[in-house]
Protein backbone atom coordinates (compact mmCIF):
# COMPACT_ATOMS: atom_id res chain seq x y z
CA UNK A 1 27.03 18.85 -59.56
CA UNK A 2 25.85 20.34 -56.06
CA UNK A 3 27.44 19.70 -53.04
CA UNK A 4 25.18 19.37 -49.90
CA UNK A 5 25.46 21.42 -47.48
CA UNK A 6 26.85 20.58 -43.97
CA UNK A 7 23.51 21.21 -41.85
CA UNK A 8 21.92 18.81 -44.89
CA UNK A 9 23.95 15.89 -43.86
CA UNK A 10 24.20 16.71 -39.83
CA UNK A 11 20.45 17.05 -39.12
CA UNK A 12 19.44 13.71 -40.68
CA UNK A 13 22.51 11.96 -38.82
CA UNK A 14 21.45 13.82 -35.54
CA UNK A 15 18.08 12.56 -35.98
CA UNK A 16 19.25 9.36 -36.79
CA UNK A 17 21.13 8.98 -33.51
CA UNK A 18 18.33 10.68 -31.44
CA UNK A 19 15.66 8.20 -32.53
CA UNK A 20 18.36 5.40 -31.89
CA UNK A 21 18.71 6.61 -28.63
CA UNK A 22 15.03 6.32 -27.70
CA UNK A 23 14.35 3.19 -29.08
CA UNK A 24 17.59 1.85 -27.23
CA UNK A 25 15.77 3.50 -24.07
CA UNK A 26 12.92 2.24 -24.58
CA UNK A 27 14.02 -1.66 -25.03
CA UNK A 28 16.96 -1.55 -22.38
CA UNK A 29 16.53 1.37 -20.16
CA UNK A 30 15.53 1.34 -16.75
CA UNK A 31 11.79 1.27 -17.48
CA UNK A 32 12.26 -0.29 -20.94
CA UNK A 33 10.47 -3.28 -22.24
CA UNK A 34 13.28 -5.96 -21.10
CA UNK A 35 12.93 -4.62 -17.44
CA UNK A 36 9.35 -4.67 -17.51
CA UNK A 37 9.30 -8.46 -18.72
CA UNK A 38 12.24 -9.15 -15.54
CA UNK A 39 9.52 -7.16 -13.20
CA UNK A 40 6.51 -9.38 -14.13
CA UNK A 41 8.70 -12.53 -13.96
CA UNK A 42 9.78 -11.44 -10.47
CA UNK A 43 6.29 -10.47 -9.33
CA UNK A 44 5.06 -14.01 -10.35
CA UNK A 45 7.55 -15.51 -8.04
CA UNK A 46 6.79 -13.44 -5.24
CA UNK A 47 2.84 -13.88 -5.61
CA UNK A 48 3.44 -17.61 -5.99
CA UNK A 49 5.72 -17.37 -2.46
CA UNK A 50 3.04 -14.76 -1.05
CA UNK A 51 0.24 -17.74 -1.67
CA UNK A 52 2.13 -20.25 -0.07
CA UNK A 53 3.06 -18.16 2.90
CA UNK A 54 -0.69 -17.61 3.26
CA UNK A 55 -1.80 -21.29 3.18
CA UNK A 56 0.95 -21.84 5.93
CA UNK A 57 -0.27 -19.24 8.09
CA UNK A 58 -3.95 -20.68 7.48
CA UNK A 59 -2.84 -24.03 8.68
CA UNK A 60 -0.74 -22.61 11.56
CA UNK A 61 -4.00 -20.59 12.73
CA UNK A 62 -6.38 -23.35 12.51
CA UNK A 63 -3.96 -25.72 14.51
CA UNK A 64 -3.75 -22.82 17.33
CA UNK A 65 -7.55 -22.42 17.20
CA UNK A 66 -7.64 -26.39 17.70
CA UNK A 67 -5.62 -25.61 20.80
CA UNK A 68 -7.16 -22.66 22.19
CA UNK A 69 -8.86 -22.44 25.38
CA UNK A 70 -12.24 -21.93 23.57
CA UNK A 71 -11.65 -24.80 21.49
CA UNK A 72 -9.60 -27.87 22.68
CA UNK A 73 -9.16 -30.79 20.04
CA UNK A 74 -7.79 -33.56 22.46
CA UNK A 75 -6.69 -35.75 19.32
CA UNK A 76 -4.17 -32.75 18.42
CA UNK A 77 -3.22 -32.21 21.85
CA UNK A 78 -2.56 -35.94 22.12
CA UNK A 79 -0.39 -36.13 18.94
CA UNK A 80 1.29 -32.65 19.89
CA UNK A 81 2.03 -34.32 23.45
CA UNK A 82 3.00 -37.53 21.77
CA UNK A 83 5.35 -36.15 18.93
CA UNK A 84 6.78 -33.27 21.12
CA UNK A 85 7.11 -34.48 24.21
CA UNK A 86 7.68 -38.08 24.36
CA UNK A 87 4.48 -39.12 26.38
CA UNK A 88 2.43 -42.49 25.55
CA UNK A 89 -0.25 -43.67 27.47
CA UNK A 90 0.57 -46.53 30.63
CA UNK A 91 -1.26 -49.27 28.61
CA UNK A 92 0.94 -48.66 25.53
CA UNK A 93 3.99 -50.76 24.54
CA UNK A 94 6.85 -48.69 23.08
CA UNK A 95 9.32 -50.60 20.61
CA UNK A 96 12.81 -49.24 20.73
C-alpha cells in the first residue's frame, strides 16, 4: 500500500480553497453578482425619481413661462392671485 505524499493532499485542498474564495468573491464581493443586482435596483429607483423631478421641472418651467413678461396668461395670474393673496373681484360674494 502506497502512502500519498503531503503535496498530493495539500495541492488539491489549496486549489479547492482558492477556487472557493474566487467563487465567493464573484458572488458576494464588492464587484460580485449580488452587489450588481443591488446597484441595478438602486438605479431603477433613482431613474424613477429623476423622471418625476424632470416632470415637475417641466411643469414649473411651463408655469414660469406662462407668467413671464413675454407671455402673460391672465387666467393663471388671476388664479395665483386668488390662491396666494386671497384676492377677489368686487362683484363676487365671499362666503366664510
